[in-house]
Amino acid sequence: MQERLDAALNGPTVARLHNPKYSMIAYPFSARYQNSNQWVLEFLAAAQTGGAVTRESVQEYLKDRGYIPDTVRIGAFKRFGASLFRANVQFDDHPDTESENSRYSFVSVRSILRYLEKTGGMKSRSEIISND
């Protein structure tokens, strides 16, 4: 994995997976927007595949591997306010069901850690915080 990450960092993957259209709650399975955590997750997944080089192919890979995003509840009033006053919060990439339920999926650090534990990308969270 380290060799794949190194190769991906030093190749065109970095730029191919970056989307300058930012949304704090970008939908994890849409290429319309991206948040910084999403870029990290997609980059890690691209390195895992050893070949996926588009956001769409990486997102399919993540779905197939059982990636589960975190969700946040945003009521209609807060959503309206965020749409008016926050340039970095977009909702139009989320499925209608999320809007109807006021629960929006997004990529968080916690969801990346869960994914890495699930797929064997790391042994445990203690590896990250261990002082050994």
N, C-alpha and C. Protein backbone atom coordinates (compact mmCIF):
# COMPACT_ATOMS: atom_id res chain seq x y z
N MET A 1 0.83 -1.19 0.00
CA MET A 1 0.00 0.00 0.00
C MET A 1 0.87 1.25 0.00
N GLN A 2 1.95 1.23 0.76
CA GLN A 2 2.83 2.40 0.79
C GLN A 2 3.42 2.69 -0.58
N GLU A 3 3.80 1.64 -1.29
CA GLU A 3 4.35 1.82 -2.63
C GLU A 3 3.30 2.38 -3.58
N ARG A 4 2.08 1.91 -3.46
CA ARG A 4 0.99 2.42 -4.31
C ARG A 4 0.68 3.88 -4.00
N LEU A 5 0.68 4.23 -2.71
CA LEU A 5 0.45 5.62 -2.32
C LEU A 5 1.56 6.52 -2.86
N ASP A 6 2.80 6.06 -2.75
CA ASP A 6 3.92 6.84 -3.26
C ASP A 6 3.79 7.04 -4.77
N ALA A 7 3.46 5.98 -5.49
CA ALA A 7 3.30 6.09 -6.94
C ALA A 7 2.16 7.05 -7.29
N ALA A 8 1.07 6.96 -6.56
CA ALA A 8 -0.08 7.82 -6.83
C ALA A 8 0.24 9.28 -6.51
N LEU A 9 0.98 9.52 -5.44
CA LEU A 9 1.36 10.88 -5.07
C LEU A 9 2.28 11.53 -6.09
N ASN A 10 3.07 10.72 -6.75
CA ASN A 10 4.05 11.23 -7.70
C ASN A 10 3.60 11.08 -9.15
N GLY A 11 2.31 10.85 -9.34
CA GLY A 11 1.78 10.70 -10.69
C GLY A 11 0.58 11.59 -10.91
N PRO A 12 -0.13 11.35 -11.98
CA PRO A 12 -1.27 12.21 -12.33
C PRO A 12 -2.53 11.99 -11.48
N THR A 13 -2.54 10.97 -10.63
CA THR A 13 -3.73 10.66 -9.83
C THR A 13 -4.13 11.83 -8.94
N VAL A 14 -3.15 12.51 -8.37
CA VAL A 14 -3.44 13.62 -7.45
C VAL A 14 -4.33 14.65 -8.13
N ALA A 15 -3.96 15.06 -9.32
CA ALA A 15 -4.73 16.08 -10.04
C ALA A 15 -6.04 15.52 -10.57
N ARG A 16 -6.04 14.29 -11.04
CA ARG A 16 -7.26 13.71 -11.61
C ARG A 16 -8.38 13.58 -10.59
N LEU A 17 -8.01 13.37 -9.35
CA LEU A 17 -9.03 13.16 -8.32
C LEU A 17 -9.43 14.45 -7.61
N HIS A 18 -8.81 15.55 -7.95
CA HIS A 18 -9.14 16.81 -7.29
C HIS A 18 -10.24 17.55 -8.05
N ASN A 19 -11.24 18.00 -7.31
CA ASN A 19 -12.31 18.82 -7.88
C ASN A 19 -12.30 20.17 -7.17
N PRO A 20 -12.09 21.26 -7.87
CA PRO A 20 -12.05 22.57 -7.21
C PRO A 20 -13.41 23.05 -6.72
N LYS A 21 -14.49 22.39 -7.13
CA LYS A 21 -15.83 22.77 -6.64
C LYS A 21 -16.04 22.12 -5.28
N TYR A 22 -15.93 22.94 -4.24
CA TYR A 22 -15.93 22.46 -2.87
C TYR A 22 -17.30 22.59 -2.23
N SER A 23 -17.68 21.56 -1.47
CA SER A 23 -18.84 21.62 -0.61
C SER A 23 -18.52 20.87 0.68
N MET A 24 -18.80 21.49 1.81
CA MET A 24 -18.51 20.85 3.09
C MET A 24 -19.21 19.51 3.23
N ILE A 25 -20.39 19.40 2.65
CA ILE A 25 -21.15 18.15 2.77
C ILE A 25 -21.36 17.51 1.40
N ALA A 26 -20.33 17.52 0.58
CA ALA A 26 -20.40 16.91 -0.75
C ALA A 26 -20.87 15.46 -0.61
N TYR A 27 -21.77 15.05 -1.49
CA TYR A 27 -22.27 13.68 -1.47
C TYR A 27 -21.14 12.73 -1.90
N PRO A 28 -20.85 11.70 -1.11
CA PRO A 28 -19.70 10.84 -1.37
C PRO A 28 -19.71 10.10 -2.71
N PHE A 29 -20.88 9.95 -3.32
CA PHE A 29 -20.96 9.18 -4.55
C PHE A 29 -21.39 10.04 -5.73
N SER A 30 -20.95 11.29 -5.70
CA SER A 30 -21.19 12.22 -6.80
C SER A 30 -19.88 12.94 -7.08
N ALA A 31 -19.62 13.22 -8.34
CA ALA A 31 -18.40 13.93 -8.72
C ALA A 31 -18.63 15.42 -8.89
N ARG A 32 -19.83 15.91 -8.57
CA ARG A 32 -20.15 17.33 -8.77
C ARG A 32 -19.32 18.23 -7.86
N TYR A 33 -19.22 17.86 -6.58
CA TYR A 33 -18.45 18.62 -5.61
C TYR A 33 -17.53 17.67 -4.87
N GLN A 34 -16.71 18.24 -3.99
CA GLN A 34 -15.80 17.42 -3.20
C GLN A 34 -15.46 18.17 -1.93
N ASN A 35 -15.31 17.44 -0.82
CA ASN A 35 -14.74 18.06 0.36
C ASN A 35 -13.34 17.49 0.57
N SER A 36 -12.56 18.09 1.44
CA SER A 36 -11.17 17.67 1.58
C SER A 36 -11.05 16.22 2.06
N ASN A 37 -11.92 15.80 2.96
CA ASN A 37 -11.89 14.41 3.40
C ASN A 37 -12.21 13.46 2.25
N GLN A 38 -13.10 13.88 1.40
CA GLN A 38 -13.49 13.05 0.25
C GLN A 38 -12.30 12.86 -0.68
N TRP A 39 -11.52 13.92 -0.89
CA TRP A 39 -10.33 13.77 -1.74
C TRP A 39 -9.38 12.74 -1.13
N VAL A 40 -9.16 12.79 0.17
CA VAL A 40 -8.27 11.83 0.83
C VAL A 40 -8.81 10.41 0.64
N LEU A 41 -10.10 10.22 0.90
CA LEU A 41 -10.69 8.89 0.75
C LEU A 41 -10.56 8.39 -0.69
N GLU A 42 -10.88 9.22 -1.65
CA GLU A 42 -10.80 8.81 -3.04
C GLU A 42 -9.36 8.51 -3.45
N PHE A 43 -8.44 9.29 -2.94
CA PHE A 43 -7.02 9.05 -3.22
C PHE A 43 -6.57 7.70 -2.64
N LEU A 44 -6.95 7.43 -1.38
CA LEU A 44 -6.61 6.15 -0.76
C LEU A 44 -7.20 4.98 -1.55
N ALA A 45 -8.46 5.13 -1.96
CA ALA A 45 -9.11 4.06 -2.72
C ALA A 45 -8.44 3.87 -4.08
N ALA A 46 -8.04 4.96 -4.72
CA ALA A 46 -7.34 4.85 -6.01
C ALA A 46 -6.04 4.08 -5.83
N ALA A 47 -5.32 4.36 -4.75
CA ALA A 47 -4.08 3.63 -4.47
C ALA A 47 -4.38 2.16 -4.19
N GLN A 48 -5.48 1.88 -3.50
CA GLN A 48 -5.85 0.48 -3.23
C GLN A 48 -6.11 -0.27 -4.53
N THR A 49 -6.78 0.38 -5.46
CA THR A 49 -7.12 -0.31 -6.72
C THR A 49 -5.90 -0.49 -7.60
N GLY A 50 -4.95 0.41 -7.46
CA GLY A 50 -3.77 0.34 -8.31
C GLY A 50 -4.05 0.77 -9.74
N GLY A 51 -5.24 1.31 -10.00
CA GLY A 51 -5.52 1.68 -11.37
C GLY A 51 -6.69 2.62 -11.60
N ALA A 52 -7.61 2.72 -10.65
CA ALA A 52 -8.76 3.60 -10.85
C ALA A 52 -8.28 5.04 -10.89
N VAL A 53 -8.62 5.74 -11.97
CA VAL A 53 -8.08 7.09 -12.12
C VAL A 53 -9.13 8.17 -12.33
N THR A 54 -10.39 7.81 -12.23
CA THR A 54 -11.44 8.83 -12.29
C THR A 54 -12.19 8.81 -10.98
N ARG A 55 -12.79 9.91 -10.64
CA ARG A 55 -13.57 9.96 -9.40
C ARG A 55 -14.71 8.97 -9.45
N GLU A 56 -15.34 8.85 -10.61
CA GLU A 56 -16.47 7.93 -10.74
C GLU A 56 -16.04 6.48 -10.51
N SER A 57 -14.90 6.08 -11.08
CA SER A 57 -14.45 4.70 -10.90
C SER A 57 -14.03 4.44 -9.46
N VAL A 58 -13.43 5.43 -8.82
CA VAL A 58 -13.05 5.28 -7.42
C VAL A 58 -14.29 5.19 -6.54
N GLN A 59 -15.30 5.99 -6.84
CA GLN A 59 -16.53 5.95 -6.05
C GLN A 59 -17.24 4.61 -6.21
N GLU A 60 -17.23 4.04 -7.38
CA GLU A 60 -17.80 2.70 -7.58
C GLU A 60 -17.03 1.67 -6.77
N TYR A 61 -15.72 1.79 -6.77
CA TYR A 61 -14.88 0.89 -5.99
C TYR A 61 -15.24 1.00 -4.50
N LEU A 62 -15.40 2.23 -4.01
CA LEU A 62 -15.77 2.43 -2.61
C LEU A 62 -17.12 1.81 -2.29
N LYS A 63 -18.09 1.97 -3.18
CA LYS A 63 -19.40 1.34 -2.98
C LYS A 63 -19.25 -0.17 -2.90
N ASP A 64 -18.49 -0.73 -3.84
CA ASP A 64 -18.31 -2.18 -3.88
C ASP A 64 -17.60 -2.71 -2.64
N ARG A 65 -16.74 -1.89 -2.06
CA ARG A 65 -16.02 -2.30 -0.86
C ARG A 65 -16.79 -2.01 0.43
N GLY A 66 -18.00 -1.44 0.30
CA GLY A 66 -18.85 -1.22 1.46
C GLY A 66 -18.57 0.04 2.24
N TYR A 67 -18.02 1.05 1.58
CA TYR A 67 -17.79 2.32 2.28
C TYR A 67 -19.13 2.88 2.77
N ILE A 68 -19.17 3.30 4.04
CA ILE A 68 -20.38 3.89 4.63
C ILE A 68 -20.04 5.30 5.11
N PRO A 69 -20.65 6.30 4.49
CA PRO A 69 -20.39 7.68 4.92
C PRO A 69 -21.09 7.99 6.24
N ASP A 70 -20.66 9.06 6.86
CA ASP A 70 -21.38 9.58 8.02
C ASP A 70 -22.55 10.41 7.50
N THR A 71 -23.49 10.70 8.39
CA THR A 71 -24.63 11.54 8.02
C THR A 71 -24.78 12.66 9.04
N VAL A 72 -25.37 13.73 8.58
CA VAL A 72 -25.65 14.87 9.45
C VAL A 72 -27.10 15.29 9.19
N ARG A 73 -27.78 15.66 10.26
CA ARG A 73 -29.16 16.12 10.13
C ARG A 73 -29.15 17.63 9.95
N ILE A 74 -29.75 18.09 8.87
CA ILE A 74 -29.87 19.52 8.59
C ILE A 74 -31.32 19.80 8.22
N GLY A 75 -32.01 20.45 9.12
CA GLY A 75 -33.42 20.78 8.88
C GLY A 75 -33.59 21.79 7.77
N ALA A 76 -34.81 21.93 7.33
CA ALA A 76 -35.13 22.79 6.19
C ALA A 76 -34.70 24.25 6.43
N PHE A 77 -34.92 24.77 7.62
CA PHE A 77 -34.57 26.15 7.91
C PHE A 77 -33.06 26.37 7.84
N LYS A 78 -32.29 25.47 8.46
CA LYS A 78 -30.83 25.58 8.42
C LYS A 78 -30.32 25.38 7.00
N ARG A 79 -30.94 24.48 6.29
CA ARG A 79 -30.53 24.24 4.90
C ARG A 79 -30.75 25.50 4.06
N PHE A 80 -31.88 26.14 4.25
CA PHE A 80 -32.18 27.36 3.52
C PHE A 80 -31.15 28.44 3.85
N GLY A 81 -30.85 28.61 5.13
CA GLY A 81 -29.87 29.60 5.56
C GLY A 81 -28.48 29.30 5.02
N ALA A 82 -28.09 28.04 5.05
CA ALA A 82 -26.78 27.66 4.53
C ALA A 82 -26.69 27.92 3.04
N SER A 83 -27.77 27.65 2.32
CA SER A 83 -27.79 27.89 0.88
C SER A 83 -27.63 29.37 0.55
N LEU A 84 -28.19 30.22 1.40
CA LEU A 84 -28.12 31.67 1.16
C LEU A 84 -26.79 32.29 1.58
N PHE A 85 -26.24 31.83 2.70
CA PHE A 85 -25.13 32.54 3.30
C PHE A 85 -23.80 31.79 3.31
N ARG A 86 -23.77 30.59 2.85
CA ARG A 86 -22.53 29.81 2.86
C ARG A 86 -22.21 29.35 1.44
N ALA A 87 -21.17 29.89 0.86
CA ALA A 87 -20.80 29.53 -0.51
C ALA A 87 -20.24 28.12 -0.59
N ASN A 88 -19.78 27.57 0.52
CA ASN A 88 -19.15 26.25 0.49
C ASN A 88 -20.06 25.12 0.98
N VAL A 89 -21.36 25.34 0.97
CA VAL A 89 -22.32 24.29 1.33
C VAL A 89 -23.32 24.15 0.19
N GLN A 90 -23.28 22.98 -0.45
CA GLN A 90 -24.17 22.70 -1.58
C GLN A 90 -24.99 21.45 -1.26
N PHE A 91 -26.22 21.44 -1.70
CA PHE A 91 -27.09 20.29 -1.45
C PHE A 91 -27.54 19.60 -2.74
N ASP A 92 -27.29 20.20 -3.88
CA ASP A 92 -27.86 19.70 -5.14
C ASP A 92 -27.19 18.44 -5.68
N ASP A 93 -26.17 17.92 -5.02
CA ASP A 93 -25.57 16.67 -5.45
C ASP A 93 -26.10 15.47 -4.67
N HIS A 94 -26.91 15.72 -3.65
CA HIS A 94 -27.46 14.65 -2.82
C HIS A 94 -28.75 14.10 -3.43
N PRO A 95 -29.02 12.81 -3.22
CA PRO A 95 -30.28 12.24 -3.70
C PRO A 95 -31.48 12.90 -3.02
N ASP A 96 -32.60 12.91 -3.69
CA ASP A 96 -33.83 13.51 -3.15
C ASP A 96 -34.22 12.90 -1.81
N THR A 97 -33.96 11.61 -1.63
CA THR A 97 -34.33 10.96 -0.37
C THR A 97 -33.61 11.59 0.82
N GLU A 98 -32.40 12.05 0.62
CA GLU A 98 -31.68 12.69 1.72
C GLU A 98 -32.32 14.03 2.07
N SER A 99 -32.73 14.76 1.05
CA SER A 99 -33.40 16.03 1.29
C SER A 99 -34.73 15.81 2.01
N GLU A 100 -35.46 14.80 1.59
CA GLU A 100 -36.75 14.48 2.20
C GLU A 100 -36.60 14.10 3.67
N ASN A 101 -35.51 13.42 4.00
CA ASN A 101 -35.28 12.96 5.38
C ASN A 101 -34.46 13.94 6.20
N SER A 102 -33.98 15.01 5.57
CA SER A 102 -33.12 16.00 6.22
C SER A 102 -31.85 15.38 6.80
N ARG A 103 -31.39 14.29 6.20
CA ARG A 103 -30.15 13.62 6.62
C ARG A 103 -29.24 13.51 5.40
N TYR A 104 -28.06 14.10 5.51
CA TYR A 104 -27.15 14.21 4.38
C TYR A 104 -25.87 13.42 4.64
N SER A 105 -25.50 12.60 3.67
CA SER A 105 -24.27 11.82 3.74
C SER A 105 -23.07 12.68 3.35
N PHE A 106 -21.94 12.44 4.02
CA PHE A 106 -20.71 13.15 3.68
C PHE A 106 -19.52 12.31 4.16
N VAL A 107 -18.35 12.62 3.65
CA VAL A 107 -17.13 11.92 4.04
C VAL A 107 -16.51 12.64 5.23
N SER A 108 -16.36 11.90 6.31
CA SER A 108 -15.72 12.43 7.52
C SER A 108 -14.45 11.64 7.79
N VAL A 109 -13.61 12.15 8.65
CA VAL A 109 -12.41 11.41 9.05
C VAL A 109 -12.82 10.09 9.68
N ARG A 110 -13.86 10.13 10.50
CA ARG A 110 -14.34 8.91 11.16
C ARG A 110 -14.75 7.86 10.15
N SER A 111 -15.42 8.26 9.08
CA SER A 111 -15.85 7.28 8.07
C SER A 111 -14.66 6.73 7.30
N ILE A 112 -13.63 7.55 7.10
CA ILE A 112 -12.41 7.05 6.44
C ILE A 112 -11.72 6.01 7.32
N LEU A 113 -11.63 6.28 8.62
CA LEU A 113 -11.02 5.32 9.53
C LEU A 113 -11.79 4.00 9.55
N ARG A 114 -13.13 4.09 9.58
CA ARG A 114 -13.93 2.87 9.54
C ARG A 114 -13.65 2.08 8.27
N TYR A 115 -13.60 2.79 7.15
CA TYR A 115 -13.34 2.14 5.87
C TYR A 115 -11.97 1.46 5.87
N LEU A 116 -10.95 2.14 6.35
CA LEU A 116 -9.62 1.56 6.37
C LEU A 116 -9.55 0.33 7.28
N GLU A 117 -10.22 0.39 8.41
CA GLU A 117 -10.27 -0.78 9.29
C GLU A 117 -10.96 -1.94 8.60
N LYS A 118 -12.06 -1.65 7.94
CA LYS A 118 -12.86 -2.68 7.28
C LYS A 118 -12.12 -3.34 6.12
N THR A 119 -11.35 -2.55 5.39
CA THR A 119 -10.70 -3.08 4.18
C THR A 119 -9.26 -3.50 4.41
N GLY A 120 -8.80 -3.41 5.65
CA GLY A 120 -7.43 -3.83 5.95
C GLY A 120 -6.39 -2.78 5.62
N GLY A 121 -6.83 -1.54 5.40
CA GLY A 121 -5.89 -0.46 5.12
C GLY A 121 -5.08 -0.06 6.34
N MET A 122 -5.56 -0.43 7.51
CA MET A 122 -4.81 -0.25 8.76
C MET A 122 -5.34 -1.27 9.75
N LYS A 123 -4.52 -1.63 10.71
CA LYS A 123 -4.89 -2.68 11.64
C LYS A 123 -5.90 -2.21 12.68
N SER A 124 -5.70 -1.02 13.22
CA SER A 124 -6.62 -0.50 14.22
C SER A 124 -6.40 0.99 14.38
N ARG A 125 -7.34 1.64 14.99
CA ARG A 125 -7.22 3.08 15.24
C ARG A 125 -6.07 3.36 16.20
N SER A 126 -5.73 2.41 17.04
CA SER A 126 -4.65 2.64 18.01
C SER A 126 -3.32 2.88 17.30
N GLU A 127 -3.17 2.41 16.07
CA GLU A 127 -1.94 2.67 15.32
C GLU A 127 -1.75 4.17 15.10
N ILE A 128 -2.82 4.89 14.99
CA ILE A 128 -2.74 6.31 14.71
C ILE A 128 -2.38 7.08 15.98
N ILE A 129 -2.92 6.69 17.10
CA ILE A 129 -2.72 7.47 18.33
C ILE A 129 -1.69 6.87 19.28
N SER A 130 -1.12 5.76 18.93
CA SER A 130 -0.15 5.09 19.80
C SER A 130 1.12 5.91 19.92
N ASN A 131 1.69 5.94 21.12
CA ASN A 131 2.97 6.61 21.35
C ASN A 131 4.14 5.65 21.25
N ASP A 132 3.86 4.39 20.98
CA ASP A 132 4.94 3.37 20.91
C ASP A 132 5.77 3.53 19.66
